[in-house]
Amino acid sequence: MTTLSSPAVAGRRSSLTDYVDLTKPRITLMVVLTAMVGYVVAAPQLRAAGLLSMALGTGLVAAGASALNMILERRTDALMLRTCQRPLPAGRLRPSEALGFGAVLTAAGLLGLAWLTGPLAALVALVTWASYLFAYTPLKTVTSLSTIVGAFPGALPPVIGWAAARGTIEPGAVILFSILFLWQIPHFLAIAWIYREDYARGGLPMLPVVDPEGRLTGRQAVANSLALLLVSLTPAVAGMAGRVYLAGAILLGVGLTGMAVRVAVLRNRQAARGLFLASLGHLALLCTLLILDRP
């Protein structure tokens, strides 16, 4: 009778779930949804086939980037409680398997975008992929400014959608990029605060880790929430949305800023969790208003 050791158990054929986990489904879903917002806002006439082609290609590139990111971060992930059971640090998948999987997804997504939606959308997706893997990922172990760098690829999905819909990048795409860029700062600061002990354990100098009292973190959350409030009004000014959107953007921006102020004052995990949840609601409602109140 053969007894399975831990390495043998880890070496068993990996399940489909492990490959799905490599794609970071929640992040990939957010990338796809924000890209769809860019497409819908930009499209002179909405075409379901074009929207779905763009969403599929973007999703494949995002999933591929996540799989390759897990290879680069597997040693860091092994040190943190919330990530140590991911497929690579837990030993359920080998790096070579993740590499092949991520490469195939990326190539399929880029080729699909280039063929079905045009070369510009594929190029923006490639820039998103490259900046996520080769700028943001290595900087996470070096500086707290990695959050700002990471906001760049995180803000590009609506630009992919815009480029797919119009074949060009116009001021409206820049506005959507700016909104999503600023939104990510308080969102990620909230996450970093909630898990700051874990990030410290993994050697990642996120701002709440290097700012243990939370004063600078709170100020950054408030400042970027205020900036987001102002920038989120520009779609109405630029004629991309109407008065309903404008009123909603003001209310949502004030609410998010209020939650950021709460973090700055209380400086505790409960306040950070409130900001995190508020940021999710803010983005979902703002995008909904932008789509529904198009001229």
Protein backbone atom coordinates (compact mmCIF):
# COMPACT_ATOMS: atom_id res chain seq x y z
CA MET A 1 0.00 0.00 0.00
CA THR A 2 1.44 3.37 -1.08
CA THR A 3 1.25 6.35 1.26
CA LEU A 4 1.07 9.79 -0.34
CA SER A 5 3.54 12.29 1.07
CA SER A 6 2.83 16.05 1.02
CA PRO A 7 4.91 16.63 -2.14
CA ALA A 8 3.08 13.77 -3.82
CA VAL A 9 -0.27 15.22 -2.89
CA ALA A 10 0.85 18.61 -4.20
CA GLY A 11 2.01 16.95 -7.39
CA ARG A 12 -1.34 15.37 -8.24
CA ARG A 13 -3.04 16.46 -11.39
CA SER A 14 -4.27 19.99 -10.81
CA SER A 15 -7.95 20.68 -11.00
CA LEU A 16 -9.67 23.14 -13.27
CA THR A 17 -10.22 25.30 -10.20
CA ASP A 18 -6.49 25.89 -9.83
CA TYR A 19 -6.23 27.18 -13.38
CA VAL A 20 -9.25 29.42 -12.81
CA ASP A 21 -7.59 30.75 -9.64
CA LEU A 22 -4.54 31.70 -11.69
CA THR A 23 -6.67 34.17 -13.63
CA LYS A 24 -7.71 36.13 -10.50
CA PRO A 25 -11.38 36.03 -11.59
CA ARG A 26 -12.55 39.05 -9.61
CA ILE A 27 -9.83 41.31 -10.98
CA THR A 28 -10.34 39.97 -14.51
CA LEU A 29 -14.08 40.58 -14.22
CA MET A 30 -13.50 44.18 -13.15
CA VAL A 31 -11.13 44.71 -16.08
CA VAL A 32 -13.73 43.36 -18.50
CA LEU A 33 -16.58 45.42 -17.04
CA THR A 34 -14.65 48.70 -17.11
CA ALA A 35 -13.53 47.96 -20.68
CA MET A 36 -17.18 47.41 -21.61
CA VAL A 37 -18.05 50.79 -20.11
CA GLY A 38 -15.47 52.42 -22.36
CA TYR A 39 -16.87 50.63 -25.39
CA VAL A 40 -20.52 51.46 -24.65
CA VAL A 41 -19.80 55.13 -23.94
CA ALA A 42 -17.70 55.51 -27.10
CA ALA A 43 -19.73 53.47 -29.59
CA PRO A 44 -21.72 55.63 -32.02
CA GLN A 45 -23.97 52.62 -32.50
CA LEU A 46 -23.77 49.74 -30.07
CA ARG A 47 -22.98 46.40 -31.72
CA ALA A 48 -23.33 43.34 -29.53
CA ALA A 49 -20.79 41.35 -31.57
CA GLY A 50 -18.19 44.09 -31.27
CA LEU A 51 -18.80 44.49 -27.54
CA LEU A 52 -18.54 40.76 -26.87
CA SER A 53 -15.42 40.38 -29.02
CA MET A 54 -13.72 43.21 -27.17
CA ALA A 55 -14.78 41.83 -23.78
CA LEU A 56 -13.53 38.34 -24.61
CA GLY A 57 -10.17 39.51 -25.91
CA THR A 58 -9.65 41.88 -23.00
CA GLY A 59 -10.63 39.19 -20.51
CA LEU A 60 -8.14 36.73 -22.00
CA VAL A 61 -5.30 39.26 -21.83
CA ALA A 62 -6.20 40.17 -18.25
CA ALA A 63 -6.39 36.51 -17.25
CA GLY A 64 -3.04 35.83 -18.89
CA ALA A 65 -1.44 38.75 -17.09
CA SER A 66 -2.77 37.49 -13.76
CA ALA A 67 -1.39 33.99 -14.36
CA LEU A 68 2.05 35.36 -15.23
CA ASN A 69 1.89 37.74 -12.26
CA MET A 70 1.38 34.76 -9.97
CA ILE A 71 4.61 33.26 -11.26
CA LEU A 72 6.52 36.44 -10.47
CA GLU A 73 4.95 36.76 -7.02
CA ARG A 74 4.89 33.11 -5.97
CA ARG A 75 7.59 33.53 -3.29
CA THR A 76 5.93 36.62 -1.84
CA ASP A 77 2.54 34.91 -1.95
CA ALA A 78 3.97 32.00 0.05
CA LEU A 79 4.74 34.38 2.94
CA MET A 80 1.27 35.90 3.25
CA LEU A 81 -1.71 34.23 4.88
CA ARG A 82 -4.27 35.37 2.32
CA THR A 83 -2.22 34.17 -0.66
CA CYS A 84 -0.22 31.18 0.56
CA GLN A 85 -2.87 28.73 -0.66
CA ARG A 86 -2.76 29.99 -4.23
CA PRO A 87 -1.90 27.23 -6.74
CA LEU A 88 1.81 28.05 -7.12
CA PRO A 89 2.94 28.65 -3.52
CA ALA A 90 0.81 25.70 -2.39
CA GLY A 91 2.53 23.48 -4.95
CA ARG A 92 -0.60 22.40 -6.81
CA LEU A 93 0.75 23.85 -10.06
CA ARG A 94 4.28 24.19 -11.38
CA PRO A 95 5.59 27.56 -12.68
CA SER A 96 6.04 26.01 -16.13
CA GLU A 97 2.35 25.08 -16.22
CA ALA A 98 1.32 28.58 -15.21
CA LEU A 99 3.72 30.06 -17.76
CA GLY A 100 2.26 28.07 -20.62
CA PHE A 101 -1.30 28.80 -19.52
CA GLY A 102 -0.67 32.53 -19.14
CA ALA A 103 1.18 32.79 -22.44
CA VAL A 104 -1.60 31.04 -24.36
CA LEU A 105 -4.29 33.24 -22.80
CA THR A 106 -2.33 36.40 -23.53
CA ALA A 107 -1.57 35.48 -27.13
CA ALA A 108 -5.17 34.44 -27.79
CA GLY A 109 -6.49 37.67 -26.30
CA LEU A 110 -4.12 39.96 -28.21
CA LEU A 111 -4.67 38.15 -31.52
CA GLY A 112 -8.43 38.18 -30.98
CA LEU A 113 -8.46 41.90 -30.25
CA ALA A 114 -6.27 42.69 -33.26
CA TRP A 115 -8.40 40.58 -35.59
CA LEU A 116 -11.88 41.36 -34.33
CA THR A 117 -11.63 44.91 -32.95
CA GLY A 118 -8.55 46.46 -34.55
CA PRO A 119 -4.83 46.88 -33.86
CA LEU A 120 -5.18 49.92 -31.58
CA ALA A 121 -7.25 48.07 -28.99
CA ALA A 122 -4.72 45.22 -29.07
CA LEU A 123 -1.86 47.69 -28.64
CA VAL A 124 -3.49 49.32 -25.60
CA ALA A 125 -4.11 45.85 -24.15
CA LEU A 126 -0.45 44.97 -24.70
CA VAL A 127 0.65 48.15 -22.90
CA THR A 128 -1.70 47.27 -20.04
CA TRP A 129 -0.28 43.75 -19.84
CA ALA A 130 3.36 44.86 -19.99
CA SER A 131 3.08 47.71 -17.49
CA TYR A 132 1.27 45.45 -15.01
CA LEU A 133 3.88 42.71 -15.20
CA PHE A 134 7.11 44.62 -15.71
CA ALA A 135 6.50 47.95 -13.93
CA TYR A 136 3.94 47.49 -11.17
CA THR A 137 4.75 43.92 -10.12
CA PRO A 138 8.52 44.36 -9.47
CA LEU A 139 7.98 47.74 -7.79
CA LYS A 140 5.65 46.22 -5.18
CA THR A 141 8.67 44.91 -3.27
CA VAL A 142 10.57 48.20 -3.57
CA THR A 143 8.37 51.22 -2.87
CA SER A 144 4.95 52.30 -1.64
CA LEU A 145 4.69 54.33 -4.86
CA SER A 146 3.95 51.06 -6.63
CA THR A 147 0.26 51.76 -5.95
CA ILE A 148 0.43 54.82 -8.20
CA VAL A 149 2.33 52.90 -10.87
CA GLY A 150 -0.19 50.07 -10.66
CA ALA A 151 -3.05 52.51 -11.16
CA PHE A 152 -1.78 53.12 -14.71
CA PRO A 153 -2.50 49.64 -16.14
CA GLY A 154 -5.57 49.45 -13.91
CA ALA A 155 -7.00 52.55 -15.62
CA LEU A 156 -6.40 51.43 -19.21
CA PRO A 157 -9.29 48.95 -19.74
CA PRO A 158 -11.83 51.70 -20.64
CA VAL A 159 -9.29 52.94 -23.17
CA ILE A 160 -9.20 49.44 -24.70
CA GLY A 161 -12.97 49.59 -25.01
CA TRP A 162 -12.91 53.09 -26.49
CA ALA A 163 -10.24 52.13 -29.03
CA ALA A 164 -12.23 49.05 -30.02
CA ALA A 165 -15.40 51.10 -30.54
CA ARG A 166 -13.89 54.01 -32.48
CA GLY A 167 -10.48 52.90 -33.66
CA THR A 168 -8.89 55.95 -32.08
CA ILE A 169 -8.16 57.44 -28.66
CA GLU A 170 -10.03 60.68 -28.03
CA PRO A 171 -10.40 63.04 -25.04
CA GLY A 172 -13.32 60.99 -23.74
CA ALA A 173 -11.01 57.99 -23.33
CA VAL A 174 -8.58 60.14 -21.36
CA ILE A 175 -11.42 61.26 -19.08
CA LEU A 176 -12.42 57.66 -18.35
CA PHE A 177 -8.77 56.76 -17.76
CA SER A 178 -8.40 59.65 -15.29
CA ILE A 179 -11.51 58.68 -13.34
CA LEU A 180 -10.42 55.07 -12.97
CA PHE A 181 -6.83 56.06 -12.18
CA LEU A 182 -7.87 58.28 -9.26
CA TRP A 183 -10.50 55.81 -8.06
CA GLN A 184 -7.89 53.13 -7.58
CA ILE A 185 -5.82 55.07 -5.03
CA PRO A 186 -8.34 55.15 -2.14
CA HIS A 187 -9.55 51.69 -3.17
CA PHE A 188 -6.08 50.13 -2.94
CA LEU A 189 -5.12 52.11 0.17
CA ALA A 190 -8.15 50.61 1.88
CA ILE A 191 -7.10 47.11 0.84
CA ALA A 192 -3.52 47.73 1.95
CA TRP A 193 -4.72 48.92 5.34
CA ILE A 194 -6.97 45.90 5.86
CA TYR A 195 -4.11 43.51 5.06
CA ARG A 196 -1.15 45.58 6.17
CA GLU A 197 0.14 42.94 8.61
CA ASP A 198 0.08 40.41 5.79
CA TYR A 199 1.82 42.80 3.38
CA ALA A 200 4.50 43.45 6.01
CA ARG A 201 4.93 39.68 6.42
CA GLY A 202 5.46 39.40 2.68
CA GLY A 203 7.97 42.25 2.58
CA LEU A 204 5.74 44.56 0.53
CA PRO A 205 6.18 48.22 1.61
CA MET A 206 2.62 49.38 0.95
CA LEU A 207 1.87 52.85 2.33
CA PRO A 208 -0.06 51.59 5.40
CA VAL A 209 2.95 49.36 6.18
CA VAL A 210 5.54 52.15 6.11
CA ASP A 211 3.06 54.59 7.71
CA PRO A 212 2.04 52.65 10.83
CA GLU A 213 0.12 55.56 12.41
CA GLY A 214 -1.89 55.98 9.23
CA ARG A 215 -1.69 59.76 9.01
CA LEU A 216 -0.20 59.90 5.51
CA THR A 217 -2.44 57.07 4.35
CA GLY A 218 -5.51 58.96 5.52
CA ARG A 219 -4.40 62.19 3.85
CA GLN A 220 -3.71 60.39 0.58
CA ALA A 221 -7.12 58.72 0.67
CA VAL A 222 -8.87 62.05 1.23
CA ALA A 223 -6.82 63.95 -1.36
CA ASN A 224 -7.38 61.38 -4.09
CA SER A 225 -11.08 61.04 -3.27
CA LEU A 226 -11.48 64.80 -3.63
CA ALA A 227 -9.56 64.75 -6.90
CA LEU A 228 -11.79 61.91 -8.09
CA LEU A 229 -14.89 63.91 -7.18
CA LEU A 230 -13.75 66.79 -9.37
CA VAL A 231 -12.59 64.67 -12.30
CA SER A 232 -15.77 62.57 -12.23
CA LEU A 233 -17.73 65.72 -13.15
CA THR A 234 -15.89 66.15 -16.46
CA PRO A 235 -18.06 63.71 -18.48
CA ALA A 236 -21.00 66.06 -17.93
CA VAL A 237 -18.89 69.10 -18.83
CA ALA A 238 -17.57 67.34 -21.95
CA GLY A 239 -21.05 66.36 -23.13
CA MET A 240 -20.55 62.65 -22.50
CA ALA A 241 -23.37 62.55 -19.91
CA GLY A 242 -26.27 64.63 -18.69
CA ARG A 243 -27.58 66.22 -15.52
CA VAL A 244 -28.65 62.96 -13.88
CA TYR A 245 -25.07 61.71 -14.13
CA LEU A 246 -23.76 65.03 -12.83
CA ALA A 247 -25.98 64.95 -9.74
CA GLY A 248 -25.12 61.32 -9.10
CA ALA A 249 -21.39 61.93 -9.51
CA ILE A 250 -21.52 64.73 -6.95
CA LEU A 251 -23.39 62.61 -4.41
CA LEU A 252 -21.18 59.58 -4.95
CA GLY A 253 -18.01 61.66 -4.76
CA VAL A 254 -19.09 63.36 -1.55
CA GLY A 255 -19.98 59.99 -0.04
CA LEU A 256 -16.64 58.42 -0.97
CA THR A 257 -14.74 61.42 0.33
CA GLY A 258 -16.66 61.19 3.58
CA MET A 259 -15.57 57.57 3.98
CA ALA A 260 -11.97 58.59 3.26
CA VAL A 261 -12.20 61.30 5.93
CA ARG A 262 -13.47 58.64 8.32
CA VAL A 263 -10.33 56.59 7.61
CA ALA A 264 -8.14 59.65 8.18
CA VAL A 265 -9.81 60.35 11.54
CA LEU A 266 -10.31 56.83 12.96
CA ARG A 267 -7.33 55.11 11.32
CA ASN A 268 -8.56 51.58 11.97
CA ARG A 269 -9.44 48.46 9.98
CA GLN A 270 -13.18 48.96 10.29
CA ALA A 271 -12.97 52.39 8.67
CA ALA A 272 -10.71 51.00 5.93
CA ARG A 273 -13.19 48.22 5.22
CA GLY A 274 -15.95 50.81 4.95
CA LEU A 275 -13.89 52.78 2.42
CA PHE A 276 -13.21 49.61 0.44
CA LEU A 277 -16.91 48.75 0.19
CA ALA A 278 -17.83 52.36 -0.58
CA SER A 279 -15.28 52.46 -3.39
CA LEU A 280 -16.82 49.38 -5.02
CA GLY A 281 -20.29 50.88 -4.82
CA HIS A 282 -19.02 54.22 -6.10
CA LEU A 283 -17.48 52.75 -9.25
CA ALA A 284 -20.44 50.50 -10.02
CA LEU A 285 -22.99 53.30 -9.66
CA LEU A 286 -20.88 55.90 -11.46
CA CYS A 287 -20.43 53.60 -14.46
CA THR A 288 -24.13 52.77 -14.48
CA LEU A 289 -25.06 56.45 -14.50
CA LEU A 290 -22.55 57.15 -17.25
CA ILE A 291 -24.10 54.48 -19.47
CA LEU A 292 -27.74 55.30 -18.71
CA ASP A 293 -27.39 59.08 -19.04
CA ARG A 294 -25.54 59.18 -22.34
CA PRO A 295 -26.73 61.93 -24.69
